[in-house]
Structure formats: C-alpha cells, structure tokens
Protein backbone atom coordinates (compact mmCIF):
# COMPACT_ATOMS: atom_id res chain seq x y z
CA MET A 1 1.30 -21.39 2.65
CA ASN A 2 1.30 -24.17 0.06
CA LYS A 3 4.02 -24.04 -2.55
CA HIS A 4 1.51 -22.74 -5.11
CA GLU A 5 -1.82 -21.07 -4.45
CA ILE A 6 -4.46 -19.38 -6.59
CA GLY A 7 -6.75 -16.78 -5.09
CA ILE A 8 -9.45 -14.26 -5.95
CA ALA A 9 -9.27 -10.57 -5.04
CA PHE A 10 -12.33 -8.33 -4.68
CA GLN A 11 -12.67 -4.58 -4.85
CA THR A 12 -14.80 -3.17 -2.01
CA ASN A 13 -17.49 -1.58 -4.16
CA LYS A 14 -20.36 -4.01 -3.63
CA PRO A 15 -23.45 -4.14 -1.40
CA ILE A 16 -22.36 -5.72 1.87
CA ASN A 17 -24.63 -8.74 1.40
CA GLU A 18 -22.79 -9.82 -1.77
CA TYR A 19 -19.35 -10.56 -0.31
CA GLY A 20 -20.29 -13.68 1.64
CA PRO A 21 -22.05 -15.53 -1.20
CA LEU A 22 -19.27 -14.57 -3.65
CA ALA A 23 -16.62 -15.88 -1.26
CA ARG A 24 -18.55 -19.11 -0.76
CA LEU A 25 -18.54 -19.57 -4.55
CA VAL A 26 -14.78 -19.03 -4.57
CA GLU A 27 -14.28 -21.63 -1.86
CA ASN A 28 -16.58 -24.15 -3.54
CA TYR A 29 -14.70 -23.83 -6.83
CA GLY A 30 -11.52 -24.82 -5.02
CA PHE A 31 -9.52 -21.60 -4.86
CA HIS A 32 -7.09 -21.23 -1.97
CA GLY A 33 -8.00 -17.77 -0.73
CA VAL A 34 -9.84 -14.46 -0.97
CA THR A 35 -8.16 -11.08 -0.75
CA VAL A 36 -10.04 -7.84 -0.22
CA TYR A 37 -8.56 -4.55 -1.39
CA ASN A 38 -8.51 -1.51 0.89
CA ASP A 39 -8.13 1.24 -1.70
CA LEU A 40 -8.79 4.86 -0.79
CA LEU A 41 -12.39 6.04 -1.38
CA TYR A 42 -13.74 2.48 -1.50
CA GLN A 43 -15.38 0.70 1.44
CA PRO A 44 -12.98 -0.17 4.27
CA CYS A 45 -11.99 -3.81 4.05
CA TRP A 46 -13.02 -5.01 7.50
CA LEU A 47 -16.78 -5.53 7.18
CA PRO A 48 -16.47 -7.29 3.79
CA LEU A 49 -13.83 -9.55 5.35
CA LEU A 50 -16.13 -10.28 8.28
CA GLU A 51 -18.85 -11.38 5.86
CA ILE A 52 -16.34 -13.52 3.99
CA ALA A 53 -15.20 -15.13 7.24
CA ARG A 54 -18.78 -16.00 8.14
CA TYR A 55 -19.56 -17.61 4.76
CA THR A 56 -16.38 -19.69 4.33
CA LYS A 57 -14.71 -22.54 6.19
CA LYS A 58 -11.31 -23.34 4.66
CA ILE A 59 -9.79 -20.61 2.53
CA ARG A 60 -7.27 -17.99 3.66
CA ILE A 61 -8.62 -14.46 3.83
CA GLY A 62 -7.10 -11.04 4.35
CA PRO A 63 -6.72 -7.44 3.22
CA ALA A 64 -4.13 -6.32 0.68
CA SER A 65 -3.38 -3.89 1.92
CA VAL A 66 -3.98 -1.52 4.84
CA ASN A 67 -1.62 1.30 5.75
CA PRO A 68 -0.63 2.99 9.04
CA PHE A 69 -1.21 6.49 7.66
CA THR A 70 -5.02 6.36 7.46
CA THR A 71 -5.47 3.79 10.26
CA HIS A 72 -3.50 3.59 13.51
CA PRO A 73 -1.82 0.22 14.22
CA LEU A 74 -4.02 -0.14 17.32
CA ASN A 75 -7.12 -0.24 15.10
CA ILE A 76 -5.43 -2.48 12.53
CA ALA A 77 -4.47 -4.96 15.24
CA GLY A 78 -7.98 -4.99 16.71
CA ASN A 79 -9.67 -5.48 13.36
CA ILE A 80 -7.42 -8.26 12.10
CA ALA A 81 -7.70 -10.03 15.47
CA LEU A 82 -11.49 -10.07 15.08
CA ILE A 83 -11.29 -11.28 11.48
CA ASP A 84 -8.92 -14.05 12.56
CA GLU A 85 -11.21 -15.05 15.41
CA CYS A 86 -14.28 -15.16 13.15
CA SER A 87 -12.41 -17.18 10.51
CA TYR A 88 -10.96 -19.60 13.09
CA GLY A 89 -7.36 -18.72 12.32
CA ARG A 90 -7.51 -18.37 8.53
CA SER A 91 -6.51 -14.73 8.18
CA TYR A 92 -3.41 -12.86 7.09
CA LEU A 93 -2.67 -9.14 7.25
CA GLY A 94 -1.47 -7.23 4.22
CA LEU A 95 0.36 -3.98 4.99
CA ALA A 96 1.69 -1.30 2.63
CA ARG A 97 2.66 2.34 2.53
CA GLY A 98 -0.60 3.15 0.74
CA ALA A 99 -1.41 5.01 -2.47
CA TRP A 100 -3.26 8.15 -3.57
CA LEU A 101 -2.92 9.62 -0.07
CA ASP A 102 -2.24 13.04 -1.59
CA TYR A 103 -5.99 13.18 -2.21
CA ILE A 104 -6.51 13.76 1.52
CA GLY A 105 -3.34 15.80 1.98
CA LEU A 106 -1.38 13.10 3.81
CA GLU A 107 2.37 13.37 3.41
CA GLN A 108 4.19 10.09 3.77
CA LYS A 109 7.18 11.40 5.67
CA HIS A 110 9.44 8.66 7.07
CA ALA A 111 7.14 6.17 5.33
CA ILE A 112 9.41 3.14 5.51
CA GLN A 113 10.23 3.55 9.19
CA LYS A 114 6.56 4.16 10.01
CA LEU A 115 5.57 0.99 8.19
CA LYS A 116 8.20 -1.04 10.03
CA ASP A 117 7.24 0.50 13.38
CA ALA A 118 3.57 -0.22 12.65
CA MET A 119 4.31 -3.89 12.02
CA GLY A 120 6.14 -4.14 15.33
CA CYS A 121 3.37 -2.30 17.15
CA ILE A 122 0.65 -4.55 15.69
CA ARG A 123 2.58 -7.70 16.60
CA HIS A 124 3.17 -6.36 20.13
CA LEU A 125 -0.57 -5.80 20.54
CA LEU A 126 -1.54 -9.18 19.09
CA LYS A 127 0.76 -10.83 21.64
CA GLN A 128 -1.09 -8.85 24.33
CA ARG A 129 2.18 -7.77 25.85
CA THR A 130 1.84 -5.24 28.64
CA ASP A 131 5.38 -3.95 28.52
CA SER A 132 6.11 -0.77 26.59
CA TYR A 133 6.80 -0.76 22.86
CA SER A 134 9.62 1.62 21.97
CA SER A 135 9.00 3.29 18.62
CA LYS A 136 9.54 6.74 17.20
CA HIS A 137 6.21 6.76 15.38
CA PHE A 138 3.88 4.30 17.17
CA PRO A 139 5.03 3.90 20.79
CA LEU A 140 3.00 2.06 23.40
CA LYS A 141 3.34 3.25 26.98
CA GLY A 142 2.78 -0.20 28.45
CA GLY A 143 0.79 -1.35 31.45
CA ASP A 144 -2.16 -2.50 29.33
CA SER A 145 -3.00 -4.23 26.07
CA LEU A 146 -5.96 -5.34 23.94
CA ARG A 147 -8.71 -6.15 26.42
CA TRP A 148 -10.14 -9.38 25.03
CA LYS A 149 -8.68 -12.80 24.35
CA ILE A 150 -6.70 -12.79 21.09
CA THR A 151 -6.93 -16.24 19.55
CA ARG A 152 -3.74 -16.07 17.46
CA SER A 153 -0.78 -13.75 17.95
CA ASP A 154 1.25 -15.00 14.98
CA ILE A 155 -1.10 -13.94 12.17
CA PRO A 156 1.04 -13.89 8.98
CA PHE A 157 1.98 -10.49 7.57
CA LEU A 158 2.13 -9.73 3.86
CA LEU A 159 4.07 -6.71 2.59
CA GLY A 160 2.74 -4.94 -0.48
CA SER A 161 5.78 -3.21 -1.93
CA TRP A 162 8.04 -2.79 -4.94
CA GLY A 163 10.69 -0.89 -2.99
CA PRO A 164 14.02 -2.59 -2.20
CA GLU A 165 14.55 -0.35 0.84
CA THR A 166 11.06 -1.10 2.18
CA ILE A 167 11.66 -4.82 1.67
CA ARG A 168 15.02 -4.66 3.49
CA ASN A 169 13.52 -2.88 6.46
CA CYS A 170 10.42 -5.06 6.82
CA ILE A 171 11.75 -8.49 5.81
CA GLY A 172 11.97 -9.76 9.38
CA GLU A 173 8.26 -9.19 10.00
CA ILE A 174 6.70 -10.79 6.91
CA SER A 175 5.93 -14.14 5.32
CA GLU A 176 4.94 -12.86 1.85
CA ILE A 177 5.63 -9.99 -0.54
CA LYS A 178 3.00 -8.92 -3.05
CA LEU A 179 3.69 -7.05 -6.27
CA GLY A 180 0.33 -5.56 -7.15
CA GLY A 181 -0.88 -4.63 -10.61
CA THR A 182 1.40 -6.89 -12.61
CA ALA A 183 1.43 -10.18 -14.52
CA ASN A 184 5.03 -9.73 -15.63
CA SER A 185 7.00 -12.95 -15.20
CA ASP A 186 10.21 -11.05 -15.98
CA VAL A 187 9.99 -9.25 -12.64
CA VAL A 188 10.15 -12.47 -10.61
CA PRO A 189 13.97 -12.92 -10.72
CA TRP A 190 14.32 -9.27 -9.67
CA ILE A 191 12.04 -9.62 -6.64
CA LYS A 192 13.74 -12.89 -5.70
CA LYS A 193 17.06 -11.04 -5.62
CA GLN A 194 15.60 -8.30 -3.42
CA ILE A 195 14.37 -10.94 -0.99
CA THR A 196 17.70 -12.79 -1.02
CA ASP A 197 19.67 -9.60 -0.40
CA ALA A 198 17.35 -8.55 2.41
CA VAL A 199 17.47 -12.00 3.98
CA LEU A 200 21.27 -12.10 3.91
CA GLU A 201 21.36 -8.71 5.58
CA SER A 202 18.90 -9.68 8.33
CA LYS A 203 19.90 -13.38 8.58
CA ILE A 204 16.48 -15.02 8.27
CA GLU A 205 15.30 -17.98 6.18
CA ALA A 206 14.78 -17.01 2.51
CA SER A 207 12.50 -19.99 1.89
CA ASN A 208 9.96 -18.53 4.31
CA ILE A 209 9.13 -15.53 2.08
CA GLY A 210 6.44 -16.19 -0.51
CA ILE A 211 6.02 -14.15 -3.72
CA VAL A 212 2.51 -13.01 -4.64
CA LEU A 213 1.45 -11.38 -7.92
CA GLY A 214 -2.02 -10.01 -8.54
CA CYS A 215 -3.64 -7.86 -11.20
CA VAL A 216 -6.75 -6.96 -13.16
CA SER A 217 -8.28 -10.18 -14.48
CA VAL A 218 -11.02 -10.54 -17.10
CA VAL A 219 -12.05 -13.89 -18.55
CA ASP A 220 -14.56 -14.67 -21.27
CA ASN A 221 -14.98 -17.22 -24.03
CA ASP A 222 -14.61 -14.25 -26.38
CA GLY A 223 -10.97 -13.41 -25.66
CA GLU A 224 -10.97 -10.14 -27.58
CA LYS A 225 -13.92 -8.77 -25.59
CA ALA A 226 -12.16 -9.75 -22.37
CA ARG A 227 -8.96 -8.00 -23.41
CA ASN A 228 -10.82 -4.85 -24.48
CA MET A 229 -12.46 -4.61 -21.08
CA ALA A 230 -9.15 -5.28 -19.33
CA ARG A 231 -7.52 -2.41 -21.26
CA LYS A 232 -9.99 0.06 -19.75
CA GLU A 233 -9.80 -1.48 -16.27
CA VAL A 234 -6.00 -1.39 -16.11
CA ALA A 235 -5.44 1.99 -17.76
CA LEU A 236 -5.70 3.94 -14.48
CA TYR A 237 -3.08 1.77 -12.74
CA LEU A 238 -0.70 1.08 -15.61
CA PRO A 239 1.31 4.36 -15.45
CA ILE A 240 1.88 3.89 -11.70
CA VAL A 241 3.00 0.26 -11.88
CA ALA A 242 5.06 0.83 -15.02
CA ARG A 243 7.31 3.22 -13.12
CA LEU A 244 7.75 0.74 -10.27
CA ASP A 245 8.81 -2.24 -12.40
CA PRO A 246 12.58 -1.99 -13.01
CA THR A 247 12.49 -4.80 -15.60
CA LEU A 248 9.89 -3.19 -17.85
CA LYS A 249 10.94 -1.53 -21.08
CA ILE A 250 8.23 0.87 -22.20
CA ASP A 251 8.26 3.89 -24.48
CA LEU A 252 8.07 6.98 -22.25
CA ASP A 253 6.03 8.93 -24.81
CA LEU A 254 3.48 6.12 -24.87
CA LEU A 255 3.38 6.13 -21.07
CA ARG A 256 2.83 9.90 -21.02
CA CYS A 257 -0.07 9.53 -23.46
CA ILE A 258 -1.73 6.92 -21.26
CA GLN A 259 -1.20 9.03 -18.15
CA LYS A 260 -2.56 12.17 -19.82
CA ALA A 261 -5.74 10.33 -20.81
CA THR A 262 -6.21 8.76 -17.38
CA SER A 263 -5.68 12.11 -15.66
CA LYS A 264 -8.89 13.17 -17.42
CA TYR A 265 -10.48 9.79 -16.60
CA ASN A 266 -10.78 9.15 -20.32
CA LEU A 267 -10.18 5.42 -20.01
CA LYS A 268 -11.41 4.71 -23.53
CA GLU A 269 -8.69 6.92 -24.99
CA ALA A 270 -6.08 5.50 -22.62
CA SER A 271 -7.00 1.93 -23.54
CA GLU A 272 -6.32 2.60 -27.20
CA TYR A 273 -2.60 2.98 -26.43
CA ILE A 274 -2.41 -0.46 -24.80
CA ASP A 275 -1.71 -3.21 -27.31
CA ASP A 276 -1.99 -6.93 -26.57
CA LYS A 277 1.69 -7.33 -25.75
CA LEU A 278 1.64 -4.53 -23.18
CA LEU A 279 -1.71 -5.72 -21.82
CA GLU A 280 -0.26 -9.16 -21.04
CA VAL A 281 2.34 -7.54 -18.77
CA PHE A 282 -0.29 -5.90 -16.59
CA THR A 283 -3.36 -8.17 -16.72
CA LEU A 284 -4.55 -11.74 -16.84
CA SER A 285 -7.14 -11.46 -19.58
CA GLY A 286 -8.58 -13.47 -22.45
CA THR A 287 -10.13 -16.91 -22.81
CA PRO A 288 -9.84 -19.50 -20.02
CA SER A 289 -7.05 -21.34 -21.84
CA GLU A 290 -5.13 -18.09 -22.44
CA ILE A 291 -5.37 -17.05 -18.79
CA ALA A 292 -4.33 -20.52 -17.64
CA LYS A 293 -1.26 -20.29 -19.87
CA GLN A 294 -0.35 -16.85 -18.49
CA THR A 295 -0.82 -18.01 -14.91
CA LEU A 296 1.28 -21.14 -15.38
CA LYS A 297 4.06 -18.95 -16.78
CA LEU A 298 4.06 -16.99 -13.50
CA PHE A 299 4.27 -20.13 -11.40
CA ASN A 300 7.08 -21.49 -13.56
CA ALA A 301 8.96 -18.23 -12.99
CA GLY A 302 8.83 -18.76 -9.22
CA VAL A 303 5.62 -17.09 -8.00
CA ASN A 304 4.00 -18.78 -4.99
CA ARG A 305 0.55 -17.23 -5.20
CA VAL A 306 -1.39 -15.65 -8.06
CA GLU A 307 -4.47 -13.52 -7.40
CA PHE A 308 -7.13 -12.96 -10.04
CA GLY A 309 -8.26 -9.39 -9.38
CA THR A 310 -11.46 -7.50 -10.10
CA PRO A 311 -13.55 -7.38 -12.31
CA HIS A 312 -13.17 -11.09 -13.32
CA GLY A 313 -15.94 -11.19 -15.96
CA LEU A 314 -17.59 -9.10 -18.68
CA LEU A 315 -21.21 -9.03 -17.58
CA ASN A 316 -20.96 -9.73 -13.87
CA GLU A 317 -18.59 -11.08 -11.25
CA ASN A 318 -20.44 -14.37 -10.87
CA LYS A 319 -19.95 -15.30 -14.53
CA GLY A 320 -16.27 -14.41 -14.37
CA LEU A 321 -15.80 -16.48 -11.21
CA GLU A 322 -17.61 -19.39 -12.85
CA LEU A 323 -15.23 -19.38 -15.82
CA LEU A 324 -12.19 -18.98 -13.57
CA GLY A 325 -13.39 -21.73 -11.25
CA LYS A 326 -14.64 -24.23 -13.82
CA GLU A 327 -12.41 -23.54 -16.83
CA VAL A 328 -9.17 -21.93 -15.61
CA LEU A 329 -8.55 -23.57 -12.23
CA PRO A 330 -8.87 -27.19 -13.50
CA ARG A 331 -6.27 -26.44 -16.17
CA LEU A 332 -3.82 -25.41 -13.44
CA ILE A 333 -4.48 -27.37 -10.28
CA ASP A 334 -2.79 -30.63 -11.27
CA ARG A 335 0.21 -28.81 -12.72
CA ILE A 336 0.93 -26.65 -9.66
CA SER A 337 0.12 -28.97 -6.75
C-alpha cells in the first residue's frame, strides 16, 4: 500500500450492471481503490466485485468486510481467490466479526477466536496446503485443498474492528485495520496505540499495519444540502459507532434520542439532533473544498487510507463521484503523495 491512498466504497444495492461502469469512472478519476460493503440484507459482495474486477485494470479492490458467521472460511477463501484471479492480483480481503447478526438469530459466541481461526483457515486454503489445519472452530482434516490453481496465496487481509482485544488477537494476520463509520481524527492516536501494543506483544513490524478510515460521504456545491443529506444517511449508524469510539465525548441523552428515532426508522427526526460539529465526526460532507480539508486533516493525523462511502452525491452516485474525482481529489493528490 502507498503511504496515502484515497478510495471509494459502494453499498451493494444497485443493479449488477452498474458496478463495473461506476468502478471504471473511479479508476479514470485517479482514485486508488474500490471497496464493496457486505452488509446484512444487501447483495453479497462477490458478484459486484467480479464486475468491478472486469471493468478495471489498476486499482485495488476488495470487500469490507465479510464475516465467518454467515459464510464459512472455505467459501470466503474460494471467492476471494476468484476475485484476485480476475483482477490479476489487485484484491484484498476485509474480515470482521459482523454486525446486526441478531436479526437472523446468530449469537457471536467466541467471536474473537472464531475470527482469528477463520483468518488462519483462509490463509491455509489459499496456500493450497494439504496438511491438516488445527482449529477449535474451523478445522481442516487435511489430505486435500482448493482444487484449482490459486494465483496468489498472500492476498492482504484487512481487519474491520474497534476492539483492542480483537486487534491483539488478529494483528499477526493483517496488513490494515479499518475503523468504519468515522471521520474523527482524534481517534487516530488511540488506534495507533492499539496497534503498537499489539505489535509489541506479538513481535511484528508496526510499520506494516495501515490505518483506514471510511464513512458516509456526500459532496455537493451546495454544502448545506450535502450536510442535510448526510445527517439522514448517518443517523442509523451513529449510535453504534459512537459507543465504539473511546475518544468521543457525546451527551448520552442526545445519543438516546437519536437511537430512539432510528429504532423507528424515523431518520428525519434523528437527523435533527445531529448538528454540524457532530456531523463532522461521523461523515465527510459538504462542498468539495470542505471535504478536501476534512480528508487532509485525517491524513495529517496519521491515516493511510481514506474511503469516501455511499451515497457520494445528492441526486445520483455519478454526480457525486464526478465532484469527488474532479474537485476533491485534485485538491489532495499533490499534498498526500
């Protein structure tokens, strides 16, 4: 990974024939990568990623993130191997414990150990090793492996997590850590410390672990309209992320009001509790110059990669990508390269 990268993240809620052309736009504007979410109840990430691989030539691509509770590591390994093959070695694999799994009655017992075991199992399969893989949760008997030629066994892993214990347990398997749903530069020193502590404990190179931040992003020449849309888009996620960020000082009564409104899916009411100061902690939103300033602040704090997340623009994704690519990216590229 370059020292600084800027990427675009897509929600999987589009017709399948839209992902490829959108990703080609992203590449042509000069962004470094495309991430595809894998949120519960949306389309699985793999077919959108396949389309993106087919339509692009240079940018990094990958899911952020898949989890071993709804998909077995065997299937994760097979899918990411195919994406990597189709993209000629440009993929990475984002892994996380997952969210909203209570909707389907999945209990995340032993979640951290399962996630670590899953990473080991996936890597074992990608290496096409035929010896057994000893694991409490995802053992492999041995004697066989994936039955086609895997083009790259060392596909980089990204960990999506805010948890110090999860980071400590998985640090040896990953090249990046992503804090999702935040634009808070104040959290960067905290996550750096978690990485440093985990590295010291496991004795690996700290410089190898990149920090990724991504969040709801809305850009428009009318900054107030962009922020008003971002308030509604982020309202559902804000109460979850607010409780994960140990550096955030937020009034608990205000948080309860937002959560009460979002529990009824009244995003308009929830958005009314989110002022501009709070909005800037959780989104990258406003005019191109305002977003460029916010993004540069994250890089100056020590972030390696920033992802502009859905929905990008007011009217449609193409217009948002155009403003990000033609107005935001040029303001940043010379200052971060």
